Amino acid sequence: MKKIKIIMFGLLVMLMTACNLNSGGLSVTVKKTDERYEFKATYPDRKTAKVNDYLKKAFKNEDSALFVQVEGGKEVMLANGTTFYIRSNPGIIELELLKQKNTPVGYHYFEELIEGIRDVLK
């Protein structure tokens, strides 16, 4: 009987630990190929406001309402000519830039945007 209690306690601890590992977690994926630059981040919902505030500052004169909860995704062209795809929901953001649609300046802007989002999520 004592062994069963110890085993049950151990299983309970493992279960609680496993459930807590993923809650509040951060996952960032960056993929660069010859054709595209992809960024995906999943993060705690509580950081969504920080991400949205960063995007509003980063897009200064652009319509920042475009970038808040773009569930179905949207292709965006900024005033500087940078064109990319964005999908955003609480706790997740995905960005994709096709290199053929952008200049080196646009690519560099996109890289800085990605680094800024990463800094906000730290």
Foldseek 3Di string as FASTA:
>chain_A
DVVVVVVVVVVVVVVVVVVVVPAQDKDWDWDDDPWKTKIKMFGHLVLLVVLLVLQCVLLPVDDSVCQRQQAVKDWDAHPVGQIWIWHDDRRMIMIMGTPVSDDPVSVVSVVVSRVSSVVSRD
